[in-house]
C-alpha atoms as a PDB file:
ATOM      1  CA  MET A   1      94.316  92.579  94.247  1.00  0.00           C
ATOM      2  CA  PRO A   2      93.287  89.076  95.289  1.00  0.00           C
ATOM      3  CA  LEU A   3      91.492  87.047  92.664  1.00  0.00           C
ATOM      4  CA  HIS A   4      90.783  84.057  94.863  1.00  0.00           C
ATOM      5  CA  PRO A   5      87.195  84.141  96.175  1.00  0.00           C
ATOM      6  CA  LYS A   6      88.475  83.904  99.752  1.00  0.00           C
ATOM      7  CA  GLY A   7      91.331  86.388  99.298  1.00  0.00           C
ATOM      8  CA  LYS A   8      89.639  89.381 100.902  1.00  0.00           C
ATOM      9  CA  GLU A   9      88.298  87.248 103.755  1.00  0.00           C
ATOM     10  CA  PHE A  10      91.751  85.935 104.672  1.00  0.00           C
ATOM     11  CA  ALA A  11      93.319  89.381 104.261  1.00  0.00           C
ATOM     12  CA  LYS A  12      90.766  90.924 106.631  1.00  0.00           C
ATOM     13  CA  SER A  13      91.200  88.091 109.142  1.00  0.00           C
ATOM     14  CA  GLY A  14      94.877  88.960 109.610  1.00  0.00           C
ATOM     15  CA  LEU A  15      95.987  85.417 108.772  1.00  0.00           C
ATOM     16  CA  PHE A  16      98.985  86.705 106.827  1.00  0.00           C
ATOM     17  CA  ALA A  17      99.753  89.796 108.918  1.00  0.00           C
ATOM     18  CA  GLY A  18     103.226  89.738 110.396  1.00  0.00           C
ATOM     19  CA  VAL A  19     104.190  86.337 108.994  1.00  0.00           C
ATOM     20  CA  LYS A  20     107.959  86.052 109.466  1.00  0.00           C
ATOM     21  CA  SER A  21     108.650  82.670 107.877  1.00  0.00           C
ATOM     22  CA  PHE A  22     107.096  79.814 105.972  1.00  0.00           C
ATOM     23  CA  ALA A  23     107.022  77.809 109.234  1.00  0.00           C
ATOM     24  CA  ASP A  24     104.997  80.620 110.811  1.00  0.00           C
ATOM     25  CA  LEU A  25     102.550  80.498 107.886  1.00  0.00           C
ATOM     26  CA  GLU A  26     102.296  76.696 108.180  1.00  0.00           C
ATOM     27  CA  MET A  27     101.402  76.957 111.877  1.00  0.00           C
ATOM     28  CA  ARG A  28      98.716  79.544 111.169  1.00  0.00           C
ATOM     29  CA  ILE A  29      97.178  77.506 108.372  1.00  0.00           C
ATOM     30  CA  ALA A  30      97.363  74.316 110.470  1.00  0.00           C
ATOM     31  CA  ALA A  31      95.253  76.060 113.122  1.00  0.00           C
ATOM     32  CA  ILE A  32      92.368  76.379 110.652  1.00  0.00           C
ATOM     33  CA  THR A  33      89.876  73.617 111.414  1.00  0.00           C
ATOM     34  CA  GLU A  34      88.363  72.946 107.980  1.00  0.00           C
ATOM     35  CA  ASN A  35      90.549  71.258 105.349  1.00  0.00           C
ATOM     36  CA  LYS A  36      88.921  73.205 102.502  1.00  0.00           C
ATOM     37  CA  ALA A  37      89.690  76.487 104.276  1.00  0.00           C
ATOM     38  CA  LYS A  38      93.305  75.366 104.812  1.00  0.00           C
ATOM     39  CA  GLY A  39      93.631  74.760 101.081  1.00  0.00           C
ATOM     40  CA  ASP A  40      91.996  78.088 100.299  1.00  0.00           C
ATOM     41  CA  ALA A  41      94.398  79.889 102.630  1.00  0.00           C
ATOM     42  CA  PHE A  42      97.412  78.318 100.957  1.00  0.00           C
ATOM     43  CA  GLU A  43      96.023  79.160  97.507  1.00  0.00           C
ATOM     44  CA  VAL A  44      95.616  82.804  98.546  1.00  0.00           C
ATOM     45  CA  PHE A  45      99.215  82.814  99.811  1.00  0.00           C
ATOM     46  CA  ALA A  46     100.482  81.252  96.566  1.00  0.00           C
ATOM     47  CA  GLU A  47      98.552  83.823  94.529  1.00  0.00           C
ATOM     48  CA  ALA A  48     100.143  86.653  96.524  1.00  0.00           C
ATOM     49  CA  ILE A  49     103.631  85.238  96.004  1.00  0.00           C
ATOM     50  CA  ARG A  50     102.981  84.840  92.270  1.00  0.00           C
ATOM     51  CA  ASP A  51     101.704  88.408  91.981  1.00  0.00           C
ATOM     52  CA  ARG A  52     104.665  89.783  93.924  1.00  0.00           C
ATOM     53  CA  HIS A  53     107.103  87.849  91.744  1.00  0.00           C
ATOM     54  CA  ASN A  54     105.405  89.095  88.573  1.00  0.00           C
ATOM     55  CA  SER A  55     105.542  92.743  89.657  1.00  0.00           C
ATOM     56  CA  GLU A  56     109.201  92.442  90.696  1.00  0.00           C
ATOM     57  CA  SER A  57     109.985  90.921  87.281  1.00  0.00           C
ATOM     58  CA  ILE A  58     108.273  93.812  85.526  1.00  0.00           C
ATOM     59  CA  ILE A  59     110.094  96.412  87.648  1.00  0.00           C
ATOM     60  CA  GLY A  60     113.427  94.737  86.908  1.00  0.00           C
ATOM     61  CA  GLN A  61     112.911  95.333  83.179  1.00  0.00           C
ATOM     62  CA  PHE A  62     113.124  99.136  83.488  1.00  0.00           C
END
């Protein structure tokens, strides 16, 4: 579940849907016109990666 205030907005927009590589993500974020929104998008991505890593670490303990 996204904690970032813009998490749901970016998820609904499809910004991250079908991303195949970090370069692909960079191009999508670069297309955002506002710098604040670019930063928000990257923060949402980083939060998702952190959460995925944490859940994989927990699963690996069982």
